Amino acid sequence: MRGVTVRLEDVAKHYSTTRAVDGLTLTIPSGTITTLLGPSGCGKTTTLKLIAGLEEPTRGKILFNDKDVTKLPPEKRNIGMVFQDLALFPHMTVFDNVAFGLRVRRVPETEIKSRVKNMLELVNLDPDLYSSRKPSQLSGGQQQRVALARALVIEPDILLLDEPFAHLDFKIKQRLLLELRRIQRRLQITTVYVTHDQNEAMAISDKVVIMNNGRVIQEGPPDQVYENPANTFVATFYGDSNLIEGSALGINGLVAIRPEKIMLNPEGRADIVYDGIVEDVIFQGPVLRLEVRVNGFTLKLIHTRTNGSMPRPGDRVRVGWRLSDMKVLRE
């Protein structure tokens, strides 16, 4: 059943008085990476478990290609899953860890050898070098690759990933995100990725679903959600924003402006301009993150350095932005 579209229709999961998922209606398109993004306790991992069949909804339906799988057990859903703790078997070799699901399915041993070898190569682990090693002999990034190989080797219709790179350092995480994206595009497996890290969501997703309190707050392609936040929660959780009372600008409502949209010394390029004083400067290599006090409030902005220029706290500057870069939000 390749090319699986997942649909959740008014799905809820309640634990006593806690509503972990509360009336969730969502479509996960076939062959894409859809990321469930939100703070801890927003319901994203519970949603993943509902799709996997590890939890049964209090109400609602879960469908794979229009087939109702709401009460289908996990082993009959043909799902591959990678957890945050990886759950590799410490007493088994890399080969046996990856082969585990195939042996449960009683795949012939000759086919297992071929499929495990191919999958290790796909995740950039040399079979001759790593097959006989135990998980304790691998780095964190290598263990992640083994867990991904184990999930993919069974040829699942859906791949579910629950914060799989949470414990890795930044550079390794970035490399593995690119590897995962490469593999997903090659295999075209419908993938659901859970994270609280907005940068991961932006880097990997075809579609991002922002959740809070068990509900979908906004969904869409990552760039469209970023450029057009629906409310203050999205504007401040998914990226950073300056929130300004519209009355200060002669506008009704609350206004959001992304820091990179605010220009330093705009020289006629801006529709709205303020004189201000630099309060803080954070050096980040090619860019600077500035806080500038203007007209009774502080603006955050990102400034690209040129010719080594670097404003200092206390400097008087002019800042501005275009009207088209402001977004009036609903609460």
Protein backbone atom coordinates (compact mmCIF):
# COMPACT_ATOMS: atom_id res chain seq x y z
CA MET A 1 0.00 0.00 0.00
CA ARG A 2 2.58 2.58 -1.12
CA GLY A 3 1.57 6.21 -1.44
CA VAL A 4 -0.51 6.27 1.75
CA THR A 5 -2.54 9.34 2.66
CA VAL A 6 -3.32 9.51 6.38
CA ARG A 7 -6.49 11.24 7.59
CA LEU A 8 -7.61 11.95 11.12
CA GLU A 9 -11.27 12.90 11.44
CA ASP A 10 -12.35 14.63 14.67
CA VAL A 11 -9.89 12.50 16.65
CA ALA A 12 -9.72 12.94 20.41
CA LYS A 13 -7.75 11.18 23.14
CA HIS A 14 -8.70 11.82 26.74
CA TYR A 15 -6.95 10.53 29.86
CA SER A 16 -9.38 11.03 32.73
CA THR A 17 -9.81 14.83 32.76
CA THR A 18 -6.83 15.51 30.48
CA ARG A 19 -7.55 16.13 26.80
CA ALA A 20 -4.26 15.17 25.17
CA VAL A 21 -5.80 15.43 21.70
CA ASP A 22 -9.00 17.40 21.32
CA GLY A 23 -10.99 17.12 18.10
CA LEU A 24 -8.09 16.81 15.65
CA THR A 25 -8.92 16.83 11.94
CA LEU A 26 -5.84 16.53 9.77
CA THR A 27 -4.65 15.20 6.40
CA ILE A 28 -1.09 13.95 5.94
CA PRO A 29 -0.43 13.87 2.19
CA SER A 30 1.00 10.82 0.50
CA GLY A 31 4.76 10.71 -0.01
CA THR A 32 5.51 13.84 2.04
CA ILE A 33 7.20 14.73 5.30
CA THR A 34 4.61 16.30 7.57
CA THR A 35 5.96 17.70 10.83
CA LEU A 36 3.88 17.99 14.00
CA LEU A 37 5.39 20.96 15.82
CA GLY A 38 4.52 22.34 19.21
CA PRO A 39 5.58 22.78 22.83
CA SER A 40 5.78 19.89 25.31
CA GLY A 41 2.33 18.58 26.18
CA CYS A 42 0.65 19.92 23.02
CA GLY A 43 -0.48 16.46 21.88
CA LYS A 44 1.95 15.79 19.04
CA THR A 45 3.42 12.54 20.41
CA THR A 46 -0.04 11.29 21.36
CA THR A 47 -1.14 11.97 17.78
CA LEU A 48 1.82 9.94 16.52
CA LYS A 49 0.86 7.04 18.80
CA LEU A 50 -2.72 7.19 17.57
CA ILE A 51 -1.52 6.91 13.96
CA ALA A 52 0.74 4.00 14.95
CA GLY A 53 -2.07 2.19 16.79
CA LEU A 54 -0.21 2.36 20.11
CA GLU A 55 -3.16 4.33 21.49
CA GLU A 56 -6.86 4.05 20.63
CA PRO A 57 -8.77 7.31 20.22
CA THR A 58 -11.55 8.27 22.61
CA ARG A 59 -13.50 9.30 19.52
CA GLY A 60 -12.97 9.90 15.83
CA LYS A 61 -11.54 7.98 12.89
CA ILE A 62 -8.07 7.29 11.51
CA LEU A 63 -7.88 6.36 7.84
CA PHE A 64 -5.07 5.11 5.59
CA ASN A 65 -6.04 5.68 1.94
CA ASP A 66 -9.73 5.83 2.98
CA LYS A 67 -9.43 2.52 4.87
CA ASP A 68 -10.58 2.83 8.49
CA VAL A 69 -7.72 1.58 10.67
CA THR A 70 -8.95 3.10 13.96
CA LYS A 71 -9.13 -0.27 15.73
CA LEU A 72 -6.41 -2.03 13.73
CA PRO A 73 -3.47 -3.21 15.92
CA PRO A 74 -0.01 -1.74 15.26
CA GLU A 75 1.42 -4.91 13.72
CA LYS A 76 -1.21 -4.79 10.96
CA ARG A 77 -0.58 -1.16 9.95
CA ASN A 78 2.83 -1.71 8.28
CA ILE A 79 4.44 1.23 10.05
CA GLY A 80 8.11 1.94 10.72
CA MET A 81 8.86 3.95 13.85
CA VAL A 82 11.92 5.66 15.32
CA PHE A 83 11.62 6.79 18.94
CA GLN A 84 13.59 9.43 20.80
CA ASP A 85 15.33 6.75 22.88
CA LEU A 86 15.92 4.62 19.72
CA ALA A 87 15.17 1.34 21.58
CA LEU A 88 18.06 -0.53 19.93
CA PHE A 89 18.70 -3.97 21.39
CA PRO A 90 22.04 -3.60 23.23
CA HIS A 91 22.91 -7.31 23.13
CA MET A 92 22.40 -7.55 19.35
CA THR A 93 24.78 -6.54 16.58
CA VAL A 94 23.92 -3.79 14.12
CA PHE A 95 23.01 -6.45 11.55
CA ASP A 96 20.66 -8.26 13.95
CA ASN A 97 19.05 -5.00 15.09
CA VAL A 98 18.23 -4.05 11.50
CA ALA A 99 17.17 -7.60 10.62
CA PHE A 100 14.86 -7.96 13.63
CA GLY A 101 11.62 -6.88 11.92
CA LEU A 102 12.33 -9.05 8.90
CA ARG A 103 12.87 -12.12 11.05
CA VAL A 104 9.62 -11.48 12.90
CA ARG A 105 7.97 -11.49 9.46
CA ARG A 106 9.76 -14.79 8.65
CA VAL A 107 11.61 -13.40 5.63
CA PRO A 108 14.14 -15.93 4.23
CA GLU A 109 17.64 -15.42 5.61
CA THR A 110 19.21 -14.92 2.17
CA GLU A 111 16.79 -12.08 1.48
CA ILE A 112 17.43 -10.64 4.95
CA LYS A 113 21.18 -10.44 4.25
CA SER A 114 20.58 -8.60 1.00
CA ARG A 115 18.01 -6.16 2.41
CA VAL A 116 20.01 -5.33 5.54
CA LYS A 117 23.14 -4.71 3.45
CA ASN A 118 21.25 -2.42 1.08
CA MET A 119 19.62 -0.52 3.92
CA LEU A 120 22.88 0.06 5.79
CA GLU A 121 24.34 1.44 2.58
CA LEU A 122 21.31 3.68 2.15
CA VAL A 123 21.86 5.27 5.58
CA ASN A 124 25.60 5.62 4.88
CA LEU A 125 26.88 2.87 7.16
CA ASP A 126 29.44 0.53 5.56
CA PRO A 127 28.00 -3.01 6.10
CA ASP A 128 31.49 -4.57 6.20
CA LEU A 129 32.59 -2.11 8.88
CA TYR A 130 29.50 -1.85 11.08
CA SER A 131 27.38 -5.03 10.76
CA SER A 132 29.12 -6.89 13.59
CA ARG A 133 29.31 -3.97 16.04
CA LYS A 134 27.07 -3.55 19.08
CA PRO A 135 25.16 -0.29 19.68
CA SER A 136 27.55 0.60 22.51
CA GLN A 137 30.38 0.69 19.96
CA LEU A 138 28.65 3.37 17.87
CA SER A 139 28.42 7.13 18.12
CA GLY A 140 25.05 8.78 18.72
CA GLY A 141 24.69 9.66 15.04
CA GLN A 142 25.54 6.10 13.98
CA GLN A 143 22.95 4.71 16.39
CA GLN A 144 20.36 7.02 14.83
CA ARG A 145 21.24 5.64 11.41
CA VAL A 146 20.82 2.06 12.65
CA ALA A 147 17.40 2.90 14.13
CA LEU A 148 16.34 4.49 10.85
CA ALA A 149 17.60 1.47 8.87
CA ARG A 150 15.64 -0.88 11.16
CA ALA A 151 12.46 1.15 10.61
CA LEU A 152 12.89 1.30 6.82
CA VAL A 153 14.08 -2.24 6.08
CA ILE A 154 10.57 -3.67 6.54
CA GLU A 155 9.41 -1.41 3.67
CA PRO A 156 6.75 0.40 5.69
CA ASP A 157 3.90 2.37 4.15
CA ILE A 158 4.30 5.09 6.78
CA LEU A 159 7.39 6.22 8.70
CA LEU A 160 6.84 7.82 12.12
CA LEU A 161 9.64 9.68 13.90
CA ASP A 162 9.31 10.97 17.46
CA GLU A 163 12.03 13.60 18.08
CA PRO A 164 14.69 11.17 16.79
CA PHE A 165 17.58 13.67 16.84
CA ALA A 166 16.78 15.42 20.13
CA HIS A 167 19.97 14.34 21.92
CA LEU A 168 22.46 15.06 19.14
CA ASP A 169 24.67 18.10 18.78
CA PHE A 170 23.80 20.74 16.21
CA LYS A 171 26.13 19.74 13.36
CA ILE A 172 25.33 16.03 13.54
CA LYS A 173 21.62 16.83 13.72
CA GLN A 174 21.83 19.02 10.61
CA ARG A 175 23.66 16.31 8.69
CA LEU A 176 21.15 13.62 9.68
CA LEU A 177 18.20 15.85 8.78
CA LEU A 178 19.62 16.18 5.28
CA GLU A 179 20.21 12.42 5.13
CA LEU A 180 16.65 11.72 6.24
CA ARG A 181 15.30 14.14 3.64
CA ARG A 182 17.38 12.48 0.94
CA ILE A 183 16.19 8.99 1.89
CA GLN A 184 12.55 10.06 2.16
CA ARG A 185 12.61 11.66 -1.27
CA ARG A 186 14.18 8.57 -2.77
CA LEU A 187 11.72 6.12 -1.17
CA GLN A 188 8.66 8.44 -1.24
CA ILE A 189 7.40 7.12 2.10
CA THR A 190 4.66 9.09 3.84
CA THR A 191 6.50 10.41 6.89
CA VAL A 192 5.28 12.05 10.09
CA TYR A 193 7.99 13.81 12.08
CA VAL A 194 7.41 15.06 15.64
CA THR A 195 9.53 17.83 17.13
CA HIS A 196 9.43 20.92 19.33
CA ASP A 197 12.36 22.42 17.39
CA GLN A 198 11.18 25.01 14.87
CA ASN A 199 14.48 24.87 12.95
CA GLU A 200 14.09 21.12 12.36
CA ALA A 201 10.54 21.69 11.15
CA MET A 202 11.63 24.39 8.71
CA ALA A 203 14.52 22.30 7.39
CA ILE A 204 12.76 19.03 6.74
CA SER A 205 9.04 19.55 6.15
CA ASP A 206 6.81 19.61 3.10
CA LYS A 207 4.01 20.54 5.49
CA VAL A 208 4.16 21.80 9.05
CA VAL A 209 1.30 21.38 11.53
CA ILE A 210 1.55 23.66 14.55
CA MET A 211 -0.23 22.26 17.60
CA ASN A 212 -1.14 23.53 21.04
CA ASN A 213 -3.47 22.16 23.73
CA GLY A 214 -4.30 19.11 21.62
CA ARG A 215 -5.47 21.13 18.62
CA VAL A 216 -4.15 22.25 15.25
CA ILE A 217 -3.45 25.98 15.37
CA GLN A 218 -2.16 26.38 11.80
CA GLU A 219 -0.90 24.14 9.00
CA GLY A 220 0.67 24.55 5.58
CA PRO A 221 4.03 24.69 3.78
CA PRO A 222 6.75 25.89 6.19
CA ASP A 223 7.45 29.14 4.38
CA GLN A 224 3.78 30.10 4.08
CA VAL A 225 3.11 29.49 7.78
CA TYR A 226 6.23 31.48 8.66
CA GLU A 227 5.32 34.42 6.44
CA ASN A 228 1.64 34.46 7.42
CA PRO A 229 1.22 33.46 11.10
CA ALA A 230 -2.42 33.09 12.04
CA ASN A 231 -2.10 34.43 15.58
CA THR A 232 0.31 35.47 18.31
CA PHE A 233 1.09 31.88 19.32
CA VAL A 234 2.30 30.98 15.81
CA ALA A 235 4.13 34.30 15.37
CA THR A 236 6.17 33.79 18.54
CA PHE A 237 6.55 29.99 18.61
CA TYR A 238 7.34 29.38 14.94
CA GLY A 239 10.26 31.73 14.54
CA ASP A 240 10.65 35.02 16.36
CA SER A 241 8.49 38.14 16.01
CA ASN A 242 8.20 41.66 17.27
CA LEU A 243 4.69 42.19 18.58
CA ILE A 244 3.57 45.80 18.58
CA GLU A 245 0.26 47.27 19.62
CA GLY A 246 -1.24 48.54 16.40
CA SER A 247 -2.35 51.75 18.07
CA ALA A 248 1.31 52.82 18.16
CA LEU A 249 1.27 52.60 14.36
CA GLY A 250 -2.25 53.89 13.79
CA ILE A 251 -3.55 50.35 13.11
CA ASN A 252 -6.28 48.36 14.85
CA GLY A 253 -5.06 45.10 16.36
CA LEU A 254 -1.73 43.53 17.22
CA VAL A 255 1.04 43.69 14.62
CA ALA A 256 3.82 41.14 14.08
CA ILE A 257 7.09 41.91 12.30
CA ARG A 258 9.82 39.32 11.83
CA PRO A 259 13.27 40.54 13.02
CA GLU A 260 14.85 40.02 9.59
CA LYS A 261 12.25 42.35 8.03
CA ILE A 262 13.43 45.32 10.09
CA MET A 263 16.16 47.32 8.35
CA LEU A 264 18.99 49.15 10.07
CA ASN A 265 19.53 52.64 8.63
CA PRO A 266 16.98 51.98 5.86
CA GLU A 267 17.83 55.10 3.80
CA GLY A 268 14.50 55.61 2.08
CA ARG A 269 13.68 51.91 1.66
CA ALA A 270 11.15 51.78 4.52
CA ASP A 271 7.56 52.98 4.90
CA ILE A 272 7.81 53.28 8.70
CA VAL A 273 10.96 54.68 10.29
CA TYR A 274 12.02 55.25 13.92
CA ASP A 275 15.10 56.72 15.55
CA GLY A 276 16.38 54.52 18.35
CA ILE A 277 19.24 53.51 20.62
CA VAL A 278 20.98 50.11 20.48
CA GLU A 279 20.41 48.28 23.76
CA ASP A 280 22.10 44.95 23.02
CA VAL A 281 24.16 43.26 20.31
CA ILE A 282 24.60 39.50 19.92
CA PHE A 283 27.36 38.42 17.51
CA GLN A 284 26.43 35.42 15.31
CA GLY A 285 29.16 35.40 12.68
CA PRO A 286 27.78 36.88 9.45
CA VAL A 287 24.77 38.39 11.22
CA LEU A 288 24.08 40.38 14.36
CA ARG A 289 20.98 40.16 16.51
CA LEU A 290 20.18 43.63 17.81
CA GLU A 291 17.74 45.05 20.32
CA VAL A 292 16.90 48.68 19.61
CA ARG A 293 14.80 50.89 21.89
CA VAL A 294 12.39 53.08 19.93
CA ASN A 295 9.41 55.18 21.00
CA GLY A 296 8.86 53.35 24.28
CA PHE A 297 9.29 49.75 23.07
CA THR A 298 12.17 47.45 22.08
CA LEU A 299 12.56 45.98 18.60
CA LYS A 300 14.53 42.83 17.79
CA LEU A 301 16.22 42.79 14.41
CA ILE A 302 18.75 40.77 12.44
CA HIS A 303 21.44 42.75 10.67
CA THR A 304 23.83 41.32 8.08
CA ARG A 305 27.36 42.58 8.69
CA THR A 306 29.12 44.39 5.86
CA ASN A 307 32.80 45.36 5.82
CA GLY A 308 33.11 44.30 9.46
CA SER A 309 30.61 46.93 10.62
CA MET A 310 29.27 46.28 14.10
CA PRO A 311 26.95 48.63 16.04
CA ARG A 312 27.58 48.93 19.76
CA PRO A 313 25.19 49.33 22.72
CA GLY A 314 24.41 53.02 23.11
CA ASP A 315 24.73 53.83 19.40
CA ARG A 316 21.98 55.98 17.91
CA VAL A 317 20.51 54.33 14.83
CA ARG A 318 17.52 54.51 12.55
CA VAL A 319 15.33 51.45 11.94
CA GLY A 320 12.41 50.85 9.62
CA TRP A 321 10.30 48.41 7.65
CA ARG A 322 7.86 48.15 4.79
CA LEU A 323 4.12 48.13 5.37
CA SER A 324 3.88 44.86 3.40
CA ASP A 325 6.12 43.15 5.99
CA MET A 326 3.69 43.78 8.88
CA LYS A 327 1.10 41.13 9.73
CA VAL A 328 -2.02 42.10 11.70
CA LEU A 329 -2.81 39.17 13.99
CA ARG A 330 -5.93 37.78 15.58
CA GLU A 331 -5.60 36.67 19.17
